C-alpha cells in the first residue's frame, strides 16, 4: 500500500484480521487512544516516544513495540519518523502476547514487517503464500529478545509532570521546588516506580540520549543538555549503560536508515 500521511484517513478494519501500514510523519502526536486490535509499531528511522498508563517507552530505529488490544497509549514524534505499523485481530490470532513488549527487530522480523506493511489492503493473510508470511511474523514476535527502554512513571501528578519536561532537577532542587522533603519524594518514587529518584533520573537521561542520538544529536550538545560536566563524562555514562559509546550507537542505528 502507499505511504500514509497525517491527513490520510485510517483504513477500515471491517472484515479484516490483519492490516499493515507504512508511514512517514513529523511533529506528530496521536493523542491518547486505543485500538480493538493489537499493534506492532516498528521504527525504521527517527524515534517515537510511546506513553502508556504507567510508563514511557522509547522506540529508536531497529526496535518495535507490541501494544495489546484496548490498551490506551499515545505516540509522539518530534522529528521525521519512517515507521511500520501492523494491526492484528486478537480474536483471530489467540496466541498474541498479553502484555506490552519492547523488542529488538532481527533481519527476518524486519523483512516480514515490511512485507505486511507494503501489502495491498485487500490482501488475504489466511491463504498461501501470504499465510506463510503471517506465520513467520507471529513466530518471530514470540521469539524476539526483549529490549527494555522503559521509564516507569510516578503516580503523583506533580512528580509525573517532570518526566515530560526538560532535564529533571537534582533531588534537593526538586524538594525545594515542591515544598516536600527529599525523603518523601524518594519514598514516592520508590513506591511508584521501583527506582530511587537518582536511578529514575539516570534512566530518564539514558532514554533522552538514545532519542537524540537516533535523530542526529551531537555528543557535545547532549552532554550539555543532560547536565554532564563534560563530553567524556557523558560518553562514560552512555557506555556504562549500553555497552557502546555514543558514536558506536549512532553508527549502529544508521544500519536501519
C-alpha atoms as a PDB file:
ATOM      1  CA  UNK A   1       0.000   0.000   0.000  1.00  0.00           C
ATOM      2  CA  UNK A   2       1.193   3.607  -0.435  1.00  0.00           C
ATOM      3  CA  UNK A   3       2.628   5.583   2.442  1.00  0.00           C
ATOM      4  CA  UNK A   4       0.094   7.240   4.703  1.00  0.00           C
ATOM      5  CA  UNK A   5       0.393  10.917   5.553  1.00  0.00           C
ATOM      6  CA  UNK A   6      -1.009  12.604   8.644  1.00  0.00           C
ATOM      7  CA  UNK A   7      -4.024  13.844   6.643  1.00  0.00           C
ATOM      8  CA  UNK A   8      -4.938  10.409   5.245  1.00  0.00           C
ATOM      9  CA  UNK A   9      -7.911   8.557   6.792  1.00  0.00           C
ATOM     10  CA  UNK A  10      -7.181   5.387   8.758  1.00  0.00           C
ATOM     11  CA  UNK A  11      -8.105   2.264   6.766  1.00  0.00           C
ATOM     12  CA  UNK A  12     -11.307   0.455   7.723  1.00  0.00           C
ATOM     13  CA  UNK A  13     -10.685  -2.664   9.834  1.00  0.00           C
ATOM     14  CA  UNK A  14     -14.046  -4.263   8.962  1.00  0.00           C
ATOM     15  CA  UNK A  15     -13.816  -7.852   7.654  1.00  0.00           C
ATOM     16  CA  UNK A  16     -10.034  -7.973   8.180  1.00  0.00           C
ATOM     17  CA  UNK A  17      -7.829  -9.912  10.570  1.00  0.00           C
ATOM     18  CA  UNK A  18      -4.563  -8.109   9.853  1.00  0.00           C
ATOM     19  CA  UNK A  19      -3.563  -4.751   8.427  1.00  0.00           C
ATOM     20  CA  UNK A  20      -0.177  -3.239   7.664  1.00  0.00           C
ATOM     21  CA  UNK A  21       0.666   0.442   7.274  1.00  0.00           C
ATOM     22  CA  UNK A  22       3.807   2.211   6.073  1.00  0.00           C
ATOM     23  CA  UNK A  23       4.032   5.876   7.025  1.00  0.00           C
ATOM     24  CA  UNK A  24       6.328   8.880   7.313  1.00  0.00           C
ATOM     25  CA  UNK A  25       5.338  11.578   9.779  1.00  0.00           C
ATOM     26  CA  UNK A  26       6.941  14.520  11.569  1.00  0.00           C
ATOM     27  CA  UNK A  27       5.875  16.636  14.543  1.00  0.00           C
ATOM     28  CA  UNK A  28       3.019  14.206  15.140  1.00  0.00           C
ATOM     29  CA  UNK A  29       1.101  13.456  18.326  1.00  0.00           C
ATOM     30  CA  UNK A  30      -1.503  10.708  18.126  1.00  0.00           C
ATOM     31  CA  UNK A  31      -3.179  11.728  21.376  1.00  0.00           C
ATOM     32  CA  UNK A  32      -4.259   9.126  23.908  1.00  0.00           C
ATOM     33  CA  UNK A  33      -6.187   6.384  22.103  1.00  0.00           C
ATOM     34  CA  UNK A  34      -6.701   2.638  21.903  1.00  0.00           C
ATOM     35  CA  UNK A  35      -7.395   0.005  19.259  1.00  0.00           C
ATOM     36  CA  UNK A  36      -9.671  -3.049  19.246  1.00  0.00           C
ATOM     37  CA  UNK A  37      -6.681  -4.919  17.776  1.00  0.00           C
ATOM     38  CA  UNK A  38      -3.131  -5.411  18.975  1.00  0.00           C
ATOM     39  CA  UNK A  39      -0.453  -3.286  17.292  1.00  0.00           C
ATOM     40  CA  UNK A  40       3.168  -3.815  16.309  1.00  0.00           C
ATOM     41  CA  UNK A  41       4.907  -0.464  15.871  1.00  0.00           C
ATOM     42  CA  UNK A  42       8.375  -0.511  14.305  1.00  0.00           C
ATOM     43  CA  UNK A  43      10.705   2.427  13.658  1.00  0.00           C
ATOM     44  CA  UNK A  44      12.952   2.369  10.582  1.00  0.00           C
ATOM     45  CA  UNK A  45      14.365   5.865  11.135  1.00  0.00           C
ATOM     46  CA  UNK A  46      13.700   8.602  13.642  1.00  0.00           C
ATOM     47  CA  UNK A  47      12.393   7.964  17.138  1.00  0.00           C
ATOM     48  CA  UNK A  48       8.931   7.548  18.656  1.00  0.00           C
ATOM     49  CA  UNK A  49       8.042   8.126  22.300  1.00  0.00           C
ATOM     50  CA  UNK A  50       5.138   5.945  23.392  1.00  0.00           C
ATOM     51  CA  UNK A  51       3.312   6.839  26.605  1.00  0.00           C
ATOM     52  CA  UNK A  52       1.452   4.004  28.267  1.00  0.00           C
ATOM     53  CA  UNK A  53      -0.512   4.014  31.505  1.00  0.00           C
ATOM     54  CA  UNK A  54       2.409   3.932  33.917  1.00  0.00           C
ATOM     55  CA  UNK A  55       5.499   4.260  31.745  1.00  0.00           C
ATOM     56  CA  UNK A  56       7.214   5.992  28.881  1.00  0.00           C
ATOM     57  CA  UNK A  57       8.703   3.815  26.162  1.00  0.00           C
ATOM     58  CA  UNK A  58      11.328   4.869  23.635  1.00  0.00           C
ATOM     59  CA  UNK A  59      11.292   3.409  20.133  1.00  0.00           C
ATOM     60  CA  UNK A  60      14.567   4.166  18.281  1.00  0.00           C
ATOM     61  CA  UNK A  61      15.425   2.548  14.911  1.00  0.00           C
ATOM     62  CA  UNK A  62      15.550  -1.232  14.994  1.00  0.00           C
ATOM     63  CA  UNK A  63      13.111  -1.553  17.899  1.00  0.00           C
ATOM     64  CA  UNK A  64       9.469  -2.481  17.883  1.00  0.00           C
ATOM     65  CA  UNK A  65       6.765  -2.357  20.496  1.00  0.00           C
ATOM     66  CA  UNK A  66       3.864  -4.745  20.844  1.00  0.00           C
ATOM     67  CA  UNK A  67       0.775  -2.991  22.245  1.00  0.00           C
ATOM     68  CA  UNK A  68      -2.071  -5.343  23.209  1.00  0.00           C
ATOM     69  CA  UNK A  69      -5.637  -4.615  22.153  1.00  0.00           C
ATOM     70  CA  UNK A  70      -7.591  -1.940  24.064  1.00  0.00           C
ATOM     71  CA  UNK A  71      -4.520  -0.617  25.911  1.00  0.00           C
ATOM     72  CA  UNK A  72      -4.591   3.221  25.966  1.00  0.00           C
ATOM     73  CA  UNK A  73      -1.399   4.716  24.542  1.00  0.00           C
ATOM     74  CA  UNK A  74      -0.009   7.837  22.900  1.00  0.00           C
ATOM     75  CA  UNK A  75       2.689   8.061  20.207  1.00  0.00           C
ATOM     76  CA  UNK A  76       4.720  11.256  19.790  1.00  0.00           C
ATOM     77  CA  UNK A  77       7.220  12.057  17.031  1.00  0.00           C
ATOM     78  CA  UNK A  78       9.268  15.231  17.366  1.00  0.00           C
ATOM     79  CA  UNK A  79      11.332  14.683  14.202  1.00  0.00           C
ATOM     80  CA  UNK A  80      10.752  12.900  10.893  1.00  0.00           C
ATOM     81  CA  UNK A  81       9.923   9.250  11.525  1.00  0.00           C
ATOM     82  CA  UNK A  82       9.648   6.437   8.979  1.00  0.00           C
ATOM     83  CA  UNK A  83       7.709   3.629  10.605  1.00  0.00           C
ATOM     84  CA  UNK A  84       5.705   0.477  10.023  1.00  0.00           C
ATOM     85  CA  UNK A  85       2.567  -0.476  11.912  1.00  0.00           C
ATOM     86  CA  UNK A  86       0.838  -3.850  11.826  1.00  0.00           C
ATOM     87  CA  UNK A  87      -2.556  -4.435  13.459  1.00  0.00           C
ATOM     88  CA  UNK A  88      -3.625  -7.951  14.436  1.00  0.00           C
ATOM     89  CA  UNK A  89      -7.071  -9.191  15.473  1.00  0.00           C
ATOM     90  CA  UNK A  90      -6.675 -10.994  18.833  1.00  0.00           C
ATOM     91  CA  UNK A  91      -9.843 -12.967  18.161  1.00  0.00           C
ATOM     92  CA  UNK A  92      -8.263 -14.445  15.039  1.00  0.00           C
ATOM     93  CA  UNK A  93      -4.754 -14.778  16.461  1.00  0.00           C
ATOM     94  CA  UNK A  94      -5.347 -16.005  20.044  1.00  0.00           C
ATOM     95  CA  UNK A  95      -1.678 -16.537  20.972  1.00  0.00           C
ATOM     96  CA  UNK A  96      -0.584 -12.920  20.758  1.00  0.00           C
ATOM     97  CA  UNK A  97       1.477 -11.638  23.728  1.00  0.00           C
ATOM     98  CA  UNK A  98      -0.809 -10.467  26.568  1.00  0.00           C
ATOM     99  CA  UNK A  99       1.484  -7.667  27.777  1.00  0.00           C
ATOM    100  CA  UNK A 100       3.411  -4.752  26.319  1.00  0.00           C
ATOM    101  CA  UNK A 101       6.772  -5.806  24.921  1.00  0.00           C
ATOM    102  CA  UNK A 102       9.644  -3.754  23.536  1.00  0.00           C
ATOM    103  CA  UNK A 103      11.690  -5.954  21.228  1.00  0.00           C
ATOM    104  CA  UNK A 104      14.754  -5.936  19.010  1.00  0.00           C
ATOM    105  CA  UNK A 105      13.924  -6.465  15.339  1.00  0.00           C
ATOM    106  CA  UNK A 106      16.171  -9.013  13.619  1.00  0.00           C
ATOM    107  CA  UNK A 107      16.527  -9.235   9.835  1.00  0.00           C
ATOM    108  CA  UNK A 108      13.737 -11.804   9.469  1.00  0.00           C
ATOM    109  CA  UNK A 109      11.262  -9.834  11.577  1.00  0.00           C
ATOM    110  CA  UNK A 110      12.169  -6.613   9.787  1.00  0.00           C
ATOM    111  CA  UNK A 111      11.605  -8.263   6.399  1.00  0.00           C
ATOM    112  CA  UNK A 112       8.180  -9.693   7.235  1.00  0.00           C
ATOM    113  CA  UNK A 113       7.015  -6.443   8.836  1.00  0.00           C
ATOM    114  CA  UNK A 114       7.982  -4.637   5.649  1.00  0.00           C
ATOM    115  CA  UNK A 115       6.133  -7.223   3.568  1.00  0.00           C
ATOM    116  CA  UNK A 116       2.932  -6.859   5.589  1.00  0.00           C
ATOM    117  CA  UNK A 117       3.141  -3.053   5.727  1.00  0.00           C
ATOM    118  CA  UNK A 118       3.610  -2.764   1.952  1.00  0.00           C
ATOM    119  CA  UNK A 119       0.872  -5.264   1.035  1.00  0.00           C
ATOM    120  CA  UNK A 120      -2.390  -4.330  -0.656  1.00  0.00           C
ATOM    121  CA  UNK A 121      -5.250  -3.531   1.695  1.00  0.00           C
ATOM    122  CA  UNK A 122      -7.299  -6.441   0.325  1.00  0.00           C
ATOM    123  CA  UNK A 123      -4.536  -8.982   0.976  1.00  0.00           C
ATOM    124  CA  UNK A 124      -5.916 -12.274   2.375  1.00  0.00           C
ATOM    125  CA  UNK A 125      -3.495 -13.305   5.125  1.00  0.00           C
ATOM    126  CA  UNK A 126      -5.242 -16.647   5.644  1.00  0.00           C
ATOM    127  CA  UNK A 127      -4.245 -18.037   2.250  1.00  0.00           C
ATOM    128  CA  UNK A 128      -0.767 -19.017   0.980  1.00  0.00           C
ATOM    129  CA  UNK A 129       1.672 -17.513   0.256  1.00  0.00           C
ATOM    130  CA  UNK A 130       0.607 -14.572   2.455  1.00  0.00           C
ATOM    131  CA  UNK A 131      -0.326 -17.028   5.221  1.00  0.00           C
ATOM    132  CA  UNK A 132       3.287 -18.181   5.398  1.00  0.00           C
ATOM    133  CA  UNK A 133       4.475 -14.595   5.832  1.00  0.00           C
ATOM    134  CA  UNK A 134       1.991 -14.064   8.674  1.00  0.00           C
ATOM    135  CA  UNK A 135       3.049 -17.294  10.409  1.00  0.00           C
ATOM    136  CA  UNK A 136       6.685 -16.171  10.322  1.00  0.00           C
ATOM    137  CA  UNK A 137       5.684 -12.782  11.732  1.00  0.00           C
ATOM    138  CA  UNK A 138       3.765 -14.362  14.610  1.00  0.00           C
ATOM    139  CA  UNK A 139       6.603 -16.764  15.377  1.00  0.00           C
ATOM    140  CA  UNK A 140       9.277 -14.050  15.314  1.00  0.00           C
ATOM    141  CA  UNK A 141       7.144 -11.810  17.523  1.00  0.00           C
ATOM    142  CA  UNK A 142       7.169 -14.506  20.188  1.00  0.00           C
ATOM    143  CA  UNK A 143      10.913 -15.144  19.881  1.00  0.00           C
ATOM    144  CA  UNK A 144      12.342 -11.615  19.589  1.00  0.00           C
ATOM    145  CA  UNK A 145      14.597 -10.616  22.522  1.00  0.00           C
ATOM    146  CA  UNK A 146      13.322  -8.051  24.986  1.00  0.00           C
ATOM    147  CA  UNK A 147      14.966  -4.620  24.706  1.00  0.00           C
ATOM    148  CA  UNK A 148      13.514  -2.737  27.658  1.00  0.00           C
ATOM    149  CA  UNK A 149      13.784   1.019  27.142  1.00  0.00           C
ATOM    150  CA  UNK A 150      11.035   1.899  29.569  1.00  0.00           C
ATOM    151  CA  UNK A 151      10.753   4.701  32.086  1.00  0.00           C
ATOM    152  CA  UNK A 152       8.199   3.959  34.832  1.00  0.00           C
ATOM    153  CA  UNK A 153       6.142   6.985  35.811  1.00  0.00           C
ATOM    154  CA  UNK A 154       5.218   8.134  39.327  1.00  0.00           C
ATOM    155  CA  UNK A 155       1.538   8.375  40.197  1.00  0.00           C
ATOM    156  CA  UNK A 156       1.738  11.801  41.854  1.00  0.00           C
ATOM    157  CA  UNK A 157       0.745  14.398  39.231  1.00  0.00           C
ATOM    158  CA  UNK A 158       3.423  16.876  40.343  1.00  0.00           C
ATOM    159  CA  UNK A 159       6.148  14.266  40.017  1.00  0.00           C
ATOM    160  CA  UNK A 160       4.739  12.763  36.821  1.00  0.00           C
ATOM    161  CA  UNK A 161       4.960  16.145  35.099  1.00  0.00           C
ATOM    162  CA  UNK A 162       8.747  16.280  35.325  1.00  0.00           C
ATOM    163  CA  UNK A 163       9.043  13.146  33.175  1.00  0.00           C
ATOM    164  CA  UNK A 164       7.737  15.138  30.224  1.00  0.00           C
ATOM    165  CA  UNK A 165       9.729  18.277  30.904  1.00  0.00           C
ATOM    166  CA  UNK A 166      13.371  19.218  30.481  1.00  0.00           C
ATOM    167  CA  UNK A 167      16.130  17.531  32.470  1.00  0.00           C
ATOM    168  CA  UNK A 168      14.661  16.501  35.862  1.00  0.00           C
ATOM    169  CA  UNK A 169      16.417  18.511  38.586  1.00  0.00           C
ATOM    170  CA  UNK A 170      18.618  17.124  41.317  1.00  0.00           C
ATOM    171  CA  UNK A 171      16.690  15.746  44.287  1.00  0.00           C
ATOM    172  CA  UNK A 172      17.389  18.673  46.617  1.00  0.00           C
ATOM    173  CA  UNK A 173      16.279  21.160  43.934  1.00  0.00           C
ATOM    174  CA  UNK A 174      13.069  19.221  43.303  1.00  0.00           C
ATOM    175  CA  UNK A 175      12.362  19.055  47.029  1.00  0.00           C
ATOM    176  CA  UNK A 176      12.700  22.829  47.359  1.00  0.00           C
ATOM    177  CA  UNK A 177      10.513  23.444  44.310  1.00  0.00           C
ATOM    178  CA  UNK A 178       7.723  21.146  45.545  1.00  0.00           C
ATOM    179  CA  UNK A 179       7.987  22.102  49.192  1.00  0.00           C
ATOM    180  CA  UNK A 180       8.426  18.460  50.170  1.00  0.00           C
ATOM    181  CA  UNK A 181      11.261  16.663  51.886  1.00  0.00           C
ATOM    182  CA  UNK A 182      13.822  14.655  49.934  1.00  0.00           C
ATOM    183  CA  UNK A 183      12.788  11.618  51.970  1.00  0.00           C
ATOM    184  CA  UNK A 184       9.140  11.973  50.940  1.00  0.00           C
ATOM    185  CA  UNK A 185       9.985  12.347  47.247  1.00  0.00           C
ATOM    186  CA  UNK A 186      12.338   9.365  47.381  1.00  0.00           C
ATOM    187  CA  UNK A 187       9.680   7.247  49.073  1.00  0.00           C
ATOM    188  CA  UNK A 188       7.066   8.140  46.437  1.00  0.00           C
ATOM    189  CA  UNK A 189       9.404   7.331  43.559  1.00  0.00           C
ATOM    190  CA  UNK A 190      10.392   4.011  45.097  1.00  0.00           C
ATOM    191  CA  UNK A 191       6.755   3.118  45.716  1.00  0.00           C
ATOM    192  CA  UNK A 192       5.521   4.024  42.246  1.00  0.00           C
ATOM    193  CA  UNK A 193       8.466   3.141  40.003  1.00  0.00           C
ATOM    194  CA  UNK A 194      10.577   0.658  41.943  1.00  0.00           C
ATOM    195  CA  UNK A 195      13.548   3.004  41.475  1.00  0.00           C
ATOM    196  CA  UNK A 196      15.197   5.572  43.667  1.00  0.00           C
ATOM    197  CA  UNK A 197      14.932   9.114  42.342  1.00  0.00           C
ATOM    198  CA  UNK A 198      18.579   9.063  41.274  1.00  0.00           C
ATOM    199  CA  UNK A 199      18.107   5.756  39.428  1.00  0.00           C
ATOM    200  CA  UNK A 200      14.965   7.098  37.771  1.00  0.00           C
ATOM    201  CA  UNK A 201      16.740  10.323  36.748  1.00  0.00           C
ATOM    202  CA  UNK A 202      19.606   8.328  35.235  1.00  0.00           C
ATOM    203  CA  UNK A 203      17.130   6.212  33.253  1.00  0.00           C
ATOM    204  CA  UNK A 204      15.483   9.427  32.010  1.00  0.00           C
ATOM    205  CA  UNK A 205      18.878  10.714  30.852  1.00  0.00           C
ATOM    206  CA  UNK A 206      19.604   7.421  29.098  1.00  0.00           C
ATOM    207  CA  UNK A 207      16.316   7.428  27.195  1.00  0.00           C
ATOM    208  CA  UNK A 208      16.705  11.077  26.240  1.00  0.00           C
ATOM    209  CA  UNK A 209      20.257  10.476  24.980  1.00  0.00           C
ATOM    210  CA  UNK A 210      19.117   7.499  22.885  1.00  0.00           C
ATOM    211  CA  UNK A 211      16.283   9.579  21.441  1.00  0.00           C
ATOM    212  CA  UNK A 212      18.620  12.414  20.465  1.00  0.00           C
ATOM    213  CA  UNK A 213      21.352  10.157  19.073  1.00  0.00           C
ATOM    214  CA  UNK A 214      18.713   8.407  16.956  1.00  0.00           C
ATOM    215  CA  UNK A 215      17.791  11.732  15.358  1.00  0.00           C
ATOM    216  CA  UNK A 216      21.331  13.006  14.755  1.00  0.00           C
ATOM    217  CA  UNK A 217      22.087  14.771  18.051  1.00  0.00           C
ATOM    218  CA  UNK A 218      25.722  15.578  18.819  1.00  0.00           C
ATOM    219  CA  UNK A 219      27.635  14.351  21.852  1.00  0.00           C
ATOM    220  CA  UNK A 220      28.603  17.883  22.882  1.00  0.00           C
ATOM    221  CA  UNK A 221      25.034  19.158  22.769  1.00  0.00           C
ATOM    222  CA  UNK A 222      23.728  16.097  24.610  1.00  0.00           C
ATOM    223  CA  UNK A 223      26.344  16.379  27.342  1.00  0.00           C
ATOM    224  CA  UNK A 224      25.286  19.984  27.894  1.00  0.00           C
ATOM    225  CA  UNK A 225      21.519  19.368  27.711  1.00  0.00           C
ATOM    226  CA  UNK A 226      21.662  16.403  30.093  1.00  0.00           C
ATOM    227  CA  UNK A 227      23.763  18.107  32.725  1.00  0.00           C
ATOM    228  CA  UNK A 228      27.080  16.278  32.341  1.00  0.00           C
ATOM    229  CA  UNK A 229      30.273  18.073  33.305  1.00  0.00           C
ATOM    230  CA  UNK A 230      31.998  17.164  30.029  1.00  0.00           C
ATOM    231  CA  UNK A 231      31.693  15.179  26.815  1.00  0.00           C
ATOM    232  CA  UNK A 232      33.853  12.435  28.309  1.00  0.00           C
ATOM    233  CA  UNK A 233      31.567  12.148  31.363  1.00  0.00           C
ATOM    234  CA  UNK A 234      28.562  11.681  29.090  1.00  0.00           C
ATOM    235  CA  UNK A 235      30.411   9.120  26.928  1.00  0.00           C
ATOM    236  CA  UNK A 236      31.412   7.146  30.039  1.00  0.00           C
ATOM    237  CA  UNK A 237      27.811   7.195  31.322  1.00  0.00           C
ATOM    238  CA  UNK A 238      26.385   6.060  27.992  1.00  0.00           C
ATOM    239  CA  UNK A 239      28.897   3.239  27.597  1.00  0.00           C
ATOM    240  CA  UNK A 240      28.278   2.023  31.140  1.00  0.00           C
ATOM    241  CA  UNK A 241      24.532   1.867  30.456  1.00  0.00           C
ATOM    242  CA  UNK A 242      24.567   0.381  26.936  1.00  0.00           C
ATOM    243  CA  UNK A 243      27.980  -1.179  26.379  1.00  0.00           C
ATOM    244  CA  UNK A 244      28.522   1.163  23.427  1.00  0.00           C
ATOM    245  CA  UNK A 245      29.947   4.646  23.030  1.00  0.00           C
ATOM    246  CA  UNK A 246      27.509   7.239  21.624  1.00  0.00           C
ATOM    247  CA  UNK A 247      29.377   7.103  18.310  1.00  0.00           C
ATOM    248  CA  UNK A 248      29.113   3.327  18.118  1.00  0.00           C
ATOM    249  CA  UNK A 249      25.417   3.506  18.954  1.00  0.00           C
ATOM    250  CA  UNK A 250      24.758   6.155  16.284  1.00  0.00           C
ATOM    251  CA  UNK A 251      26.576   4.083  13.638  1.00  0.00           C
ATOM    252  CA  UNK A 252      24.562   1.035  14.654  1.00  0.00           C
ATOM    253  CA  UNK A 253      21.310   2.958  14.143  1.00  0.00           C
ATOM    254  CA  UNK A 254      22.388   4.131  10.676  1.00  0.00           C
ATOM    255  CA  UNK A 255      22.130   0.499   9.555  1.00  0.00           C
ATOM    256  CA  UNK A 256      18.342   0.837   9.631  1.00  0.00           C
ATOM    257  CA  UNK A 257      18.169   4.068   7.591  1.00  0.00           C
END
